[in-house]
Amino acid sequence: MFMFTSLVAVSVLLVPFITAQSTGAGLNKLAKAAGKLYFGTATDNPELTDTPYIAILNNSNEFGQITPENSLKWDATEPNQGDFTFTEGDQIVNLAKQNGYVIRGHNLEIIQRVTNGQWTNETLTAVLQNHIATVAGRYKGQFHAWVYIVLSDVVNEPLNDDGSLVSDVFSEIIGPEYIAIALRAARAADPDVKLWALRFESWEIILMLTYICSLRYINDFGIEGPGTKATAMQNLVKSLKAQGVPIDGIGFESHFILNEIPEDIQQNIEAFVALGVEVAITELDIRMTLPSTAELLSQQQANYQTVIEACAAVSQCIGVTLWDFTDKPAYSGIVAGFQ
């Protein structure tokens, strides 16, 4: 999850360009040829009525994985406490099943303005565990062999930029143990699932869960290159593993600004892999201030290539997900990165 402010993403959809390139190898085919599990994209329910868009989304040469942008978040699946709905989530899950795609069930996210006085350790823990059990239970055991459902983003972005734990209702009421509680609850809800984690905003409860066969992950931004926050995340992984808490992978969100790509992404992927976890690029986009120019688009292409090459070089970087379709330089840079 990432909120844009003064910078905006390049908004030209890749529909015409991918259509023109349909006779080529395709991004997913290139990713698999490079040893990756998938190349994927985020999508959202309103886009599923766009015929040209759907034709590309259903093209398994281009994509082999889908991330629902909103329909499996907490506010979509449990808009009121104890009141669950899965209509939109099921729509995207079923699309993935039909295509044989990996799906990251991004994200079982609670966005609920609360004050600490509304909760105790026991009541907040119970709400957390019930949400995980209900949503994970909804999709438990439905996917085998040809399609995966990834139970990820269990804790949404738990660290500040300085590496400290974000102050929010979970950390303040339950304490830092909330991360282990959430991961263990997701494991109990579906023992054959991997989990990822992301941060809680200070004035919201934000819990994000996503699903792939027998995995547990943590997902965050600002950890893509070496630095204080990345080191703190590595220490968190070490601590969780020492406690016997199930954690299998780290997600690099990768919401980048043009020409501000960390120089040592590959080195950092390798550092996390050395801890015994996988890595995935989970929300890749590279934004610029509009209007775009030929020079800026050329730089964007090179930036995409840098990120893709870093993942391609490390066998335990399992795949890359775009934060929905982007523009022609993105496509060209991704192709170059895998080649």
Protein backbone atom coordinates (compact mmCIF):
# COMPACT_ATOMS: atom_id res chain seq x y z
CA MET A 1 0.00 0.00 0.00
CA PHE A 2 1.40 3.44 -0.91
CA MET A 3 -0.15 6.90 -0.93
CA PHE A 4 0.96 9.29 -3.70
CA THR A 5 1.40 12.98 -2.87
CA SER A 6 3.05 15.56 -5.11
CA LEU A 7 4.41 12.92 -7.47
CA VAL A 8 2.08 10.98 -9.69
CA ALA A 9 2.43 7.70 -11.48
CA VAL A 10 2.70 7.61 -15.24
CA SER A 11 -0.86 6.74 -16.15
CA VAL A 12 -0.68 5.55 -19.76
CA LEU A 13 -1.98 1.97 -19.72
CA LEU A 14 0.03 -0.65 -21.52
CA VAL A 15 -3.02 -2.04 -23.36
CA PRO A 16 -2.08 -0.90 -26.89
CA PHE A 17 1.58 -1.78 -26.48
CA ILE A 18 1.11 -5.28 -25.05
CA THR A 19 -1.50 -5.94 -27.73
CA ALA A 20 1.04 -5.01 -30.37
CA GLN A 21 3.63 -7.26 -28.71
CA SER A 22 1.30 -10.27 -28.36
CA THR A 23 3.40 -12.34 -30.77
CA GLY A 24 6.48 -11.90 -28.58
CA ALA A 25 7.65 -14.07 -25.71
CA GLY A 26 5.62 -12.22 -23.07
CA LEU A 27 6.71 -11.02 -19.63
CA ASN A 28 5.56 -14.11 -17.72
CA LYS A 29 7.24 -16.44 -20.18
CA LEU A 30 10.45 -14.44 -19.89
CA ALA A 31 10.24 -14.52 -16.08
CA LYS A 32 9.74 -18.28 -16.03
CA ALA A 33 12.59 -18.77 -18.49
CA ALA A 34 14.74 -16.82 -16.01
CA GLY A 35 13.75 -19.25 -13.25
CA LYS A 36 11.04 -17.15 -11.59
CA LEU A 37 7.71 -18.54 -10.36
CA TYR A 38 5.71 -15.79 -12.09
CA PHE A 39 5.49 -12.28 -13.44
CA GLY A 40 2.29 -10.62 -12.27
CA THR A 41 0.18 -7.52 -11.91
CA ALA A 42 -2.23 -5.96 -9.49
CA THR A 43 -5.82 -5.51 -10.66
CA ASP A 44 -9.09 -4.18 -9.29
CA ASN A 45 -12.74 -5.11 -9.77
CA PRO A 46 -13.83 -1.99 -11.73
CA GLU A 47 -11.22 -2.82 -14.38
CA LEU A 48 -12.72 -6.24 -15.04
CA THR A 49 -15.39 -4.78 -17.36
CA ASP A 50 -12.76 -3.35 -19.73
CA THR A 51 -12.56 -5.84 -22.61
CA PRO A 52 -9.09 -4.90 -23.98
CA TYR A 53 -7.71 -4.83 -20.43
CA ILE A 54 -9.14 -8.26 -19.60
CA ALA A 55 -7.73 -9.73 -22.81
CA ILE A 56 -4.25 -8.76 -21.60
CA LEU A 57 -4.88 -9.81 -18.00
CA ASN A 58 -5.99 -13.26 -19.22
CA ASN A 59 -2.90 -13.65 -21.42
CA SER A 60 -0.74 -16.14 -19.53
CA ASN A 61 2.25 -15.26 -21.71
CA GLU A 62 2.23 -11.80 -20.10
CA PHE A 63 1.04 -12.58 -16.57
CA GLY A 64 1.03 -15.60 -14.28
CA GLN A 65 0.00 -13.92 -11.04
CA ILE A 66 -2.65 -11.45 -9.83
CA THR A 67 -2.81 -9.23 -6.76
CA PRO A 68 -6.30 -7.87 -5.89
CA GLU A 69 -5.71 -4.20 -5.15
CA ASN A 70 -8.65 -3.74 -2.78
CA SER A 71 -11.18 -6.58 -2.71
CA LEU A 72 -9.46 -8.74 -0.06
CA LYS A 73 -8.56 -5.88 2.26
CA TRP A 74 -10.08 -5.88 5.72
CA ASP A 75 -12.53 -3.06 5.00
CA ALA A 76 -13.76 -4.96 1.92
CA THR A 77 -14.09 -8.39 3.54
CA GLU A 78 -15.19 -7.29 7.03
CA PRO A 79 -16.73 -3.80 6.65
CA ASN A 80 -18.31 -4.12 10.10
CA GLN A 81 -16.93 -6.21 12.92
CA GLY A 82 -18.09 -9.78 12.46
CA ASP A 83 -19.87 -9.01 9.15
CA PHE A 84 -17.98 -10.70 6.30
CA THR A 85 -18.51 -10.42 2.56
CA PHE A 86 -16.47 -12.00 -0.25
CA THR A 87 -18.31 -11.08 -3.46
CA GLU A 88 -15.57 -8.95 -5.02
CA GLY A 89 -12.74 -11.01 -3.57
CA ASP A 90 -14.24 -14.18 -5.03
CA GLN A 91 -14.48 -12.52 -8.44
CA ILE A 92 -10.73 -12.01 -8.67
CA VAL A 93 -9.89 -15.32 -7.01
CA ASN A 94 -12.11 -17.12 -9.52
CA LEU A 95 -10.43 -15.28 -12.40
CA ALA A 96 -7.06 -16.50 -11.12
CA LYS A 97 -8.37 -20.06 -10.81
CA GLN A 98 -9.69 -20.00 -14.37
CA ASN A 99 -6.31 -18.87 -15.69
CA GLY A 100 -4.19 -21.05 -13.42
CA TYR A 101 -2.53 -17.97 -11.92
CA VAL A 102 -0.77 -17.48 -8.62
CA ILE A 103 -2.80 -15.05 -6.50
CA ARG A 104 -1.58 -12.85 -3.70
CA GLY A 105 -4.69 -12.22 -1.64
CA HIS A 106 -3.55 -8.66 -0.97
CA ASN A 107 -4.59 -7.70 1.49
CA LEU A 108 -6.81 -8.54 4.41
CA GLU A 109 -6.44 -5.00 5.63
CA ILE A 110 -8.32 -3.40 8.47
CA ILE A 111 -8.77 0.34 8.06
CA GLN A 112 -10.80 1.33 11.08
CA ARG A 113 -10.32 4.53 13.05
CA VAL A 114 -10.20 3.56 16.70
CA THR A 115 -8.91 4.90 19.97
CA ASN A 116 -6.92 2.83 22.37
CA GLY A 117 -9.73 3.10 24.93
CA GLN A 118 -11.93 0.87 22.77
CA TRP A 119 -9.67 -2.16 23.09
CA THR A 120 -7.91 -4.39 25.57
CA ASN A 121 -5.14 -6.81 24.75
CA GLU A 122 -7.63 -9.67 24.85
CA THR A 123 -10.39 -8.08 22.76
CA LEU A 124 -8.04 -6.73 20.09
CA THR A 125 -6.22 -10.05 19.84
CA ALA A 126 -9.56 -11.85 19.48
CA VAL A 127 -10.66 -9.54 16.65
CA LEU A 128 -7.34 -10.04 14.90
CA GLN A 129 -7.46 -13.82 15.20
CA ASN A 130 -11.10 -14.04 14.13
CA HIS A 131 -10.52 -12.01 10.98
CA ILE A 132 -7.54 -14.14 10.00
CA ALA A 133 -9.37 -17.40 10.71
CA THR A 134 -12.46 -16.37 8.75
CA VAL A 135 -10.77 -15.05 5.62
CA ALA A 136 -8.00 -17.63 5.50
CA GLY A 137 -10.63 -20.30 6.16
CA ARG A 138 -12.68 -19.03 3.25
CA TYR A 139 -9.99 -20.04 0.77
CA LYS A 140 -8.29 -22.85 2.66
CA GLY A 141 -7.47 -25.88 0.57
CA GLN A 142 -9.07 -24.60 -2.62
CA PHE A 143 -5.87 -24.34 -4.63
CA HIS A 144 -3.56 -27.19 -5.55
CA ALA A 145 -0.72 -27.68 -8.04
CA TRP A 146 -1.86 -25.45 -10.89
CA VAL A 147 -2.78 -22.39 -8.86
CA TYR A 148 -1.55 -20.94 -5.61
CA ILE A 149 -3.20 -18.61 -3.14
CA VAL A 150 -0.73 -16.56 -1.18
CA LEU A 151 -1.65 -15.63 2.39
CA SER A 152 0.64 -12.63 2.69
CA ASP A 153 0.96 -9.14 4.12
CA VAL A 154 0.01 -10.35 7.57
CA VAL A 155 1.44 -7.27 9.28
CA ASN A 156 1.40 -4.11 7.20
CA GLU A 157 4.69 -2.22 7.24
CA PRO A 158 5.65 -2.62 10.91
CA LEU A 159 8.76 -0.43 10.89
CA ASN A 160 9.47 3.29 10.78
CA ASP A 161 12.21 4.58 8.50
CA ASP A 162 14.61 4.60 11.45
CA GLY A 163 13.95 0.91 12.07
CA SER A 164 11.81 1.38 15.18
CA LEU A 165 8.40 -0.23 15.56
CA VAL A 166 5.54 1.93 14.31
CA SER A 167 3.38 3.25 17.15
CA ASP A 168 -0.20 2.13 16.53
CA VAL A 169 -3.10 0.54 18.32
CA PHE A 170 -1.68 -2.97 17.88
CA SER A 171 1.81 -2.21 19.13
CA GLU A 172 0.52 0.00 21.95
CA ILE A 173 -2.17 -2.39 23.23
CA ILE A 174 -0.83 -5.85 22.37
CA GLY A 175 2.83 -4.87 22.15
CA PRO A 176 5.42 -6.02 19.60
CA GLU A 177 4.10 -9.55 20.10
CA TYR A 178 1.22 -8.70 17.74
CA ILE A 179 3.42 -9.64 14.78
CA ALA A 180 4.02 -13.15 16.07
CA ILE A 181 0.35 -13.47 17.08
CA ALA A 182 -0.79 -12.57 13.58
CA LEU A 183 1.67 -14.92 11.86
CA ARG A 184 0.77 -17.81 14.17
CA ALA A 185 -2.95 -17.17 13.70
CA ALA A 186 -2.55 -17.28 9.94
CA ARG A 187 -0.58 -20.51 10.21
CA ALA A 188 -3.31 -22.01 12.40
CA ALA A 189 -6.01 -20.90 9.96
CA ASP A 190 -4.30 -22.60 7.02
CA PRO A 191 -1.17 -24.65 7.79
CA ASP A 192 -0.27 -24.90 4.09
CA VAL A 193 0.10 -21.18 3.48
CA LYS A 194 2.95 -18.68 3.30
CA LEU A 195 2.57 -15.36 5.09
CA TRP A 196 3.88 -11.84 4.46
CA ALA A 197 3.78 -8.79 6.71
CA LEU A 198 3.31 -4.98 6.21
CA ARG A 199 2.88 -1.92 8.61
CA PHE A 200 0.09 -0.46 10.77
CA GLU A 201 -0.52 3.27 10.37
CA SER A 202 -0.56 5.15 13.67
CA TRP A 203 -4.23 6.19 13.52
CA GLU A 204 -5.58 3.15 11.72
CA ILE A 205 -5.55 -0.54 12.24
CA ILE A 206 -4.07 -1.84 9.00
CA LEU A 207 -3.57 -5.57 8.82
CA MET A 208 -2.77 -7.03 5.44
CA LEU A 209 -2.89 -10.71 4.59
CA THR A 210 -2.30 -12.40 1.30
CA TYR A 211 -2.10 -16.11 0.20
CA ILE A 212 0.59 -18.94 -1.81
CA CYS A 213 1.01 -22.55 -1.07
CA SER A 214 2.66 -23.14 2.36
CA LEU A 215 4.37 -19.73 2.78
CA ARG A 216 4.39 -16.87 5.34
CA TYR A 217 5.81 -13.44 4.39
CA ILE A 218 6.48 -9.87 5.65
CA ASN A 219 6.07 -6.97 3.15
CA ASP A 220 7.30 -3.37 3.48
CA PHE A 221 8.56 -0.33 1.58
CA GLY A 222 11.92 1.35 2.09
CA ILE A 223 13.71 -1.95 2.66
CA GLU A 224 14.65 -2.55 -0.98
CA GLY A 225 18.22 -1.25 -0.52
CA PRO A 226 20.65 -1.65 2.39
CA GLY A 227 20.09 0.78 5.25
CA THR A 228 18.70 1.26 8.73
CA LYS A 229 15.18 0.06 7.96
CA ALA A 230 16.38 -2.95 5.97
CA THR A 231 18.69 -3.94 8.82
CA ALA A 232 15.83 -3.62 11.30
CA MET A 233 13.66 -5.86 9.12
CA GLN A 234 16.44 -8.42 8.94
CA ASN A 235 16.70 -8.33 12.73
CA LEU A 236 12.92 -8.81 12.96
CA VAL A 237 13.18 -11.89 10.75
CA LYS A 238 15.98 -13.28 12.90
CA SER A 239 13.92 -12.67 16.06
CA LEU A 240 10.80 -14.32 14.65
CA LYS A 241 12.76 -17.35 13.53
CA ALA A 242 14.45 -17.62 16.93
CA GLN A 243 10.99 -17.72 18.53
CA GLY A 244 9.82 -20.41 16.12
CA VAL A 245 7.33 -18.02 14.50
CA PRO A 246 6.43 -19.08 10.93
CA ILE A 247 7.97 -16.63 8.44
CA ASP A 248 9.02 -17.70 4.95
CA GLY A 249 9.60 -14.59 2.90
CA ILE A 250 10.02 -10.83 2.58
CA GLY A 251 8.15 -8.65 0.10
CA PHE A 252 9.86 -5.58 -1.34
CA GLU A 253 6.99 -3.20 -2.23
CA SER A 254 9.21 -1.22 -4.61
CA HIS A 255 7.22 1.99 -5.07
CA PHE A 256 10.07 4.00 -6.54
CA ILE A 257 10.63 7.55 -7.75
CA LEU A 258 12.34 7.99 -11.11
CA ASN A 259 16.13 7.74 -10.84
CA GLU A 260 15.98 7.02 -7.10
CA ILE A 261 16.38 3.25 -7.38
CA PRO A 262 18.60 1.84 -4.61
CA GLU A 263 21.97 0.90 -6.06
CA ASP A 264 22.33 -2.36 -4.14
CA ILE A 265 18.96 -4.06 -4.55
CA GLN A 266 20.53 -7.38 -5.52
CA GLN A 267 22.88 -7.23 -2.53
CA ASN A 268 19.93 -6.62 -0.24
CA ILE A 269 17.85 -9.44 -1.72
CA GLU A 270 20.82 -11.74 -1.10
CA ALA A 271 21.11 -10.51 2.50
CA PHE A 272 17.49 -11.46 3.22
CA VAL A 273 17.80 -14.79 1.40
CA ALA A 274 20.80 -15.58 3.61
CA LEU A 275 18.41 -15.49 6.59
CA GLY A 276 16.47 -18.41 5.14
CA VAL A 277 13.57 -16.50 3.57
CA GLU A 278 12.44 -15.92 0.00
CA VAL A 279 12.00 -12.47 -1.54
CA ALA A 280 9.41 -11.13 -3.99
CA ILE A 281 9.00 -7.72 -5.65
CA THR A 282 5.37 -7.11 -4.73
CA GLU A 283 4.11 -3.67 -5.87
CA LEU A 284 6.55 -2.36 -8.45
CA ASP A 285 5.99 1.04 -10.00
CA ILE A 286 8.32 3.91 -10.90
CA ARG A 287 6.62 7.29 -10.81
CA MET A 288 7.58 10.64 -12.24
CA THR A 289 6.26 14.17 -12.31
CA LEU A 290 4.11 14.74 -15.39
CA PRO A 291 4.20 15.65 -18.22
CA SER A 292 6.50 12.88 -19.34
CA THR A 293 9.18 13.40 -21.97
CA ALA A 294 11.11 11.01 -24.20
CA GLU A 295 14.13 11.45 -21.96
CA LEU A 296 12.18 10.72 -18.76
CA LEU A 297 10.57 7.64 -20.33
CA SER A 298 13.97 6.37 -21.40
CA GLN A 299 15.22 6.80 -17.85
CA GLN A 300 12.15 4.99 -16.54
CA GLN A 301 12.85 2.06 -18.86
CA ALA A 302 16.40 1.83 -17.51
CA ASN A 303 15.08 1.96 -13.93
CA TYR A 304 12.71 -0.94 -14.54
CA GLN A 305 15.54 -2.91 -16.08
CA THR A 306 17.69 -2.35 -12.98
CA VAL A 307 15.02 -3.75 -10.64
CA ILE A 308 14.22 -6.75 -12.83
CA GLU A 309 17.89 -7.63 -13.28
CA ALA A 310 18.37 -7.61 -9.50
CA CYS A 311 15.55 -10.11 -8.97
CA ALA A 312 16.54 -12.22 -11.97
CA ALA A 313 20.06 -12.61 -10.58
CA VAL A 314 18.92 -14.24 -7.31
CA SER A 315 17.20 -17.61 -7.54
CA GLN A 316 15.25 -17.09 -4.30
CA CYS A 317 13.67 -13.87 -5.60
CA ILE A 318 10.58 -15.76 -6.73
CA GLY A 319 8.76 -13.18 -8.87
CA VAL A 320 7.80 -9.62 -9.69
CA THR A 321 4.38 -7.94 -9.49
CA LEU A 322 3.60 -4.61 -11.19
CA TRP A 323 1.25 -2.25 -9.36
CA ASP A 324 -1.13 -2.63 -12.34
CA PHE A 325 -0.25 -2.13 -15.99
CA THR A 326 2.21 0.64 -16.72
CA ASP A 327 3.65 2.19 -19.84
CA LYS A 328 5.77 1.18 -22.82
CA PRO A 329 9.16 1.96 -21.17
CA ALA A 330 8.17 -0.32 -18.30
CA TYR A 331 7.52 -3.17 -20.73
CA SER A 332 10.77 -2.64 -22.61
CA GLY A 333 12.79 -2.34 -19.41
CA ILE A 334 11.27 -5.51 -17.95
CA VAL A 335 12.01 -7.47 -21.13
CA ALA A 336 15.61 -6.21 -21.10
CA GLY A 337 15.97 -7.06 -17.41
CA PHE A 338 14.99 -10.71 -17.88
CA GLN A 339 17.15 -11.07 -20.96
